[in-house]
Protein backbone atom coordinates (compact mmCIF):
# COMPACT_ATOMS: atom_id res chain seq x y z
CA MET A 1 33.39 141.59 37.66
CA ILE A 2 36.96 143.11 38.11
CA ASP A 3 38.20 142.04 41.74
CA ALA A 4 40.08 144.53 44.04
CA ALA A 5 43.33 142.96 43.35
CA SER A 6 43.28 143.98 39.49
CA ARG A 7 41.58 147.19 39.93
CA THR A 8 45.10 149.03 39.68
CA SER A 9 45.61 147.26 36.08
CA VAL A 10 42.53 148.38 34.98
CA ARG A 11 42.80 149.46 31.14
CA ALA A 12 40.58 152.30 30.05
CA ALA A 13 39.84 154.41 27.13
CA VAL A 14 38.44 157.90 27.22
CA VAL A 15 36.16 159.19 24.24
CA VAL A 16 35.87 162.90 24.07
CA LEU A 17 32.93 164.19 22.19
CA ALA A 18 33.33 167.32 20.06
CA ALA A 19 31.27 166.40 16.65
CA GLY A 20 28.32 169.08 17.95
CA SER A 21 28.09 172.17 15.98
CA GLY A 22 28.47 174.75 19.26
CA SER A 23 26.09 176.99 17.66
CA ARG A 24 24.52 178.44 20.97
CA VAL A 25 27.74 180.09 21.71
CA GLY A 26 28.21 181.90 18.37
CA ALA A 27 31.78 181.31 18.65
CA THR A 28 34.07 183.03 15.93
CA VAL A 29 37.99 183.23 15.57
CA ASP A 30 39.06 186.06 13.27
CA GLY A 31 35.40 186.80 12.09
CA VAL A 32 35.10 182.78 11.16
CA ALA A 33 32.30 180.86 12.82
CA VAL A 34 34.06 178.02 14.79
CA ASN A 35 33.03 174.98 16.73
CA LYS A 36 32.99 176.35 20.72
CA VAL A 37 35.38 173.20 21.43
CA TYR A 38 38.24 174.97 19.51
CA LEU A 39 37.90 178.28 21.29
CA PRO A 40 41.00 179.16 23.25
CA LEU A 41 41.01 178.99 26.97
CA ALA A 42 44.01 180.17 28.78
CA GLY A 43 45.94 179.50 25.72
CA ARG A 44 44.84 176.10 24.54
CA PRO A 45 41.54 174.91 22.96
CA VAL A 46 38.69 173.90 25.01
CA LEU A 47 39.18 170.30 24.00
CA LEU A 48 42.63 169.95 25.00
CA TRP A 49 41.77 170.76 28.80
CA SER A 50 39.82 167.52 29.52
CA MET A 51 42.16 165.37 27.03
CA ALA A 52 45.18 166.37 29.24
CA ALA A 53 43.37 165.77 32.10
CA ALA A 54 42.58 162.13 31.18
CA ALA A 55 45.90 161.57 29.67
CA ARG A 56 47.09 161.80 33.24
CA VAL A 57 45.34 159.27 34.69
CA PRO A 58 47.11 155.77 35.34
CA GLY A 59 45.39 153.11 33.25
CA VAL A 60 44.16 155.13 30.66
CA THR A 61 45.83 153.59 27.61
CA ARG A 62 43.96 155.29 24.70
CA LEU A 63 42.23 158.38 23.99
CA VAL A 64 39.32 158.87 21.34
CA LEU A 65 38.59 162.06 19.98
CA VAL A 66 35.26 162.37 17.80
CA ALA A 67 35.09 165.25 15.43
CA ARG A 68 32.51 166.33 12.93
CA PRO A 69 33.60 166.05 9.34
CA ALA A 70 33.62 169.96 8.73
CA ASP A 71 36.31 169.99 11.80
CA LEU A 72 38.54 167.23 10.49
CA ASP A 73 41.32 169.53 9.30
CA ARG A 74 41.12 171.76 12.43
CA ALA A 75 41.26 168.73 14.84
CA THR A 76 44.14 167.18 12.98
CA ALA A 77 46.28 170.33 13.18
CA MET A 78 45.11 171.06 16.77
CA LEU A 79 46.31 167.38 17.81
CA ALA A 80 49.54 168.02 15.75
CA ASP A 81 50.28 170.92 17.77
CA ALA A 82 48.83 169.63 21.22
CA HIS A 83 51.98 168.62 22.98
CA LEU A 84 50.01 165.50 24.56
CA PRO A 85 52.22 162.43 25.88
CA SER A 86 52.45 160.13 23.24
CA ASP A 87 51.23 157.75 25.77
CA PRO A 88 48.42 157.13 25.64
CA PRO A 89 47.89 157.32 21.89
CA VAL A 90 45.24 159.58 20.60
CA ASP A 91 42.70 158.40 17.85
CA LEU A 92 40.58 160.81 15.48
CA VAL A 93 37.19 159.52 14.72
CA LEU A 94 34.37 161.02 12.63
CA GLY A 95 31.30 161.51 14.67
CA GLY A 96 27.59 161.67 13.62
CA ASP A 97 24.49 163.92 13.06
CA GLN A 98 23.52 163.11 16.87
CA ARG A 99 25.49 162.46 20.11
CA HIS A 100 24.62 158.80 20.13
CA ASP A 101 25.72 158.36 16.57
CA SER A 102 29.14 159.82 17.59
CA GLU A 103 29.34 157.73 20.69
CA GLN A 104 28.42 154.80 18.66
CA ALA A 105 31.01 155.81 15.92
CA ALA A 106 33.56 155.65 18.87
CA LEU A 107 32.69 152.47 20.27
CA ILE A 108 32.71 150.76 16.82
CA HIS A 109 36.42 151.93 16.95
CA LEU A 110 37.16 150.77 20.07
CA GLU A 111 35.35 147.13 19.51
CA PRO A 112 38.45 145.25 18.33
CA GLU A 113 40.39 146.36 21.54
CA VAL A 114 37.45 145.48 23.61
CA ARG A 115 36.80 142.02 21.91
CA ALA A 116 40.77 141.38 22.40
CA GLY A 117 40.40 141.65 26.09
CA HIS A 118 42.58 144.94 26.05
CA LEU A 119 40.25 147.38 27.34
CA ASP A 120 38.02 146.88 30.40
CA VAL A 121 36.49 150.08 30.82
CA ILE A 122 35.53 153.04 28.48
CA ALA A 123 34.82 156.59 29.72
CA ILE A 124 32.71 159.23 27.24
CA HIS A 125 33.19 162.82 27.98
CA ASP A 126 31.95 166.15 26.51
CA GLY A 127 34.51 168.13 24.81
CA ALA A 128 32.62 171.13 25.97
CA ARG A 129 33.26 170.52 29.63
CA PRO A 130 37.05 171.40 29.63
CA LEU A 131 37.54 171.41 33.39
CA ALA A 132 36.79 167.98 34.49
CA PRO A 133 39.63 167.36 36.88
CA SER A 134 41.75 164.32 36.43
CA THR A 135 40.81 162.97 39.83
CA LEU A 136 37.24 163.04 38.55
CA PHE A 137 38.40 160.55 35.48
CA ALA A 138 40.01 158.39 37.79
CA GLU A 139 37.13 158.11 40.39
CA VAL A 140 34.55 157.17 37.34
CA LEU A 141 36.88 154.58 36.26
CA ARG A 142 37.42 152.95 39.56
CA VAL A 143 33.72 153.02 40.28
CA ALA A 144 32.95 151.51 36.93
CA ALA A 145 35.52 148.75 36.87
CA GLU A 146 34.08 147.89 40.58
CA VAL A 147 30.14 148.31 40.02
CA GLY A 148 29.74 148.25 36.18
CA GLY A 149 29.20 152.21 35.45
CA ALA A 150 29.56 155.50 37.23
CA LEU A 151 27.87 158.66 36.91
CA PRO A 152 28.94 162.15 38.02
CA VAL A 153 26.51 164.65 39.34
CA VAL A 154 26.07 167.57 41.38
CA PRO A 155 23.09 169.19 43.15
CA ALA A 156 20.47 170.74 41.05
CA GLY A 157 20.18 173.85 43.01
CA PRO A 158 16.85 175.67 43.81
CA LEU A 159 13.98 175.26 41.53
CA LEU A 160 11.09 178.04 41.06
CA ALA A 161 8.06 176.81 42.11
CA LEU A 162 5.48 177.77 39.66
CA ASP A 163 2.32 176.49 41.51
CA PRO A 164 2.79 177.87 45.16
CA ASP A 165 0.37 174.98 46.25
CA ALA A 166 2.33 172.18 44.43
CA SER A 167 4.20 169.76 46.65
CA PRO A 168 7.95 169.53 46.23
CA PRO A 169 9.25 166.69 44.41
CA ALA A 170 10.32 163.84 45.99
CA GLY A 171 14.09 162.83 46.37
CA ARG A 172 16.99 164.81 45.55
CA LEU A 173 17.24 166.76 42.32
CA VAL A 174 20.77 166.55 40.70
CA ARG A 175 22.41 167.67 37.56
CA ALA A 176 24.56 164.89 35.40
CA GLN A 177 27.64 165.49 34.30
CA THR A 178 30.68 163.99 32.32
CA PRO A 179 32.74 161.79 32.26
CA GLN A 180 30.56 158.77 32.40
CA ALA A 181 32.22 155.55 32.68
CA PHE A 182 31.11 151.65 31.98
CA ARG A 183 32.48 148.41 31.62
CA ALA A 184 33.78 148.04 28.05
CA ALA A 185 31.82 144.74 27.02
CA GLU A 186 28.72 145.68 28.50
CA LEU A 187 28.76 149.01 27.02
CA LEU A 188 28.93 147.64 23.67
CA ALA A 189 26.26 145.24 24.18
CA ALA A 190 24.04 147.82 25.42
CA TYR A 191 24.67 150.28 22.39
CA ALA A 192 23.83 147.09 20.10
CA ALA A 193 20.82 146.55 21.66
CA ALA A 194 19.86 149.95 21.36
CA GLY A 195 20.68 149.89 17.73
CA ARG A 196 18.58 146.76 17.06
CA ALA A 197 15.58 148.82 18.79
CA GLY A 198 16.22 151.97 16.76
CA ARG A 199 16.49 154.03 19.71
CA HIS A 200 18.95 156.78 20.63
CA GLY A 201 19.46 157.76 24.43
CA THR A 202 19.99 161.11 25.55
CA ASP A 203 23.51 160.24 27.07
CA THR A 204 25.55 157.41 27.84
CA ALA A 205 24.17 156.68 30.94
CA SER A 206 20.42 156.86 29.46
CA THR A 207 21.30 154.11 27.12
CA VAL A 208 22.96 152.02 29.29
CA GLU A 209 20.22 151.95 31.78
CA ARG A 210 17.50 151.25 29.40
CA PHE A 211 19.30 148.73 27.08
CA GLY A 212 22.14 147.35 29.35
CA SER A 213 22.19 145.28 32.79
CA LEU A 214 25.14 147.20 34.52
CA THR A 215 24.70 148.94 37.73
CA VAL A 216 25.20 152.57 37.42
CA GLN A 217 26.32 154.26 40.47
CA VAL A 218 26.16 158.19 41.30
CA VAL A 219 29.63 159.61 42.27
CA ALA A 220 30.32 163.50 43.24
CA GLY A 221 30.94 165.62 40.20
CA SER A 222 32.83 168.71 40.27
CA ALA A 223 31.86 172.32 40.86
CA THR A 224 34.01 173.78 38.31
CA ASN A 225 33.13 171.00 35.52
CA LEU A 226 30.91 173.42 33.57
CA LYS A 227 29.60 172.94 30.20
CA VAL A 228 30.21 175.46 27.44
CA THR A 229 26.75 176.13 26.42
CA TYR A 230 26.17 179.98 26.06
CA PRO A 231 28.43 182.92 25.50
CA ASP A 232 28.87 183.83 29.45
CA ASP A 233 29.93 180.21 29.88
CA VAL A 234 33.01 181.10 27.99
CA ALA A 235 34.11 183.94 30.16
CA VAL A 236 33.44 181.81 33.21
CA ALA A 237 35.50 178.96 31.88
CA GLU A 238 38.33 181.32 30.90
CA ARG A 239 38.66 182.68 34.47
CA LEU A 240 38.40 178.98 35.96
CA ALA A 241 40.92 177.75 33.25
CA ALA A 242 43.52 180.70 33.95
CA SER A 243 43.19 180.26 37.66
CA SER A 244 43.99 176.41 37.26
CA ALA A 245 46.82 177.16 34.95
CA ARG A 246 48.39 179.42 37.62
CA ALA A 247 48.08 176.88 40.31
């Protein structure tokens, strides 16, 4: 348990996942198919928006970018031209076929730092969510340090009732977002347990909830923290990113 007095000195790593194909967007640059996370938004790639936001958060000592092998050269070139601050350093890790595999690759990379006691909390973020604000990264890291895990959510909005006689579902429906943050040692243990069981979670929180013992607290997500999934999302993100750049 990290006590209140040490909260300000929490050391965190932020993992940005970019190993998917992004095929539903149909992204191209100069007529060549490209992973959506490398598309330009207001003058810089989708990926760099969230990486820059995470880098500004006090206590973040390391960034990890998880890329697919086919994008290794593109990711390397992007980072060389990114003009990100040298502190925290950025590590480039090759991901796997599934999201869980990419998360696992990042955790294996960070494991020596965790075992040495140099990292307290790890946050995992979708590279296709470019507009997660620094304040959201800071909040999930703070809550994870305090209670064990943090999951940002937003209201799911109205649902279409296919059966007019059906009762509405109990509780409040929400949509999960990233970044999701967890105490580092317990996060490693949960993924090790999932590996022994041969199971993959749909996201980090689902793996932790099923194979770990951490308390995961819901926190307020951001309405602008959209995920670039379909072609229309690119246009929306471009407008939001341009507005942010002018602010």
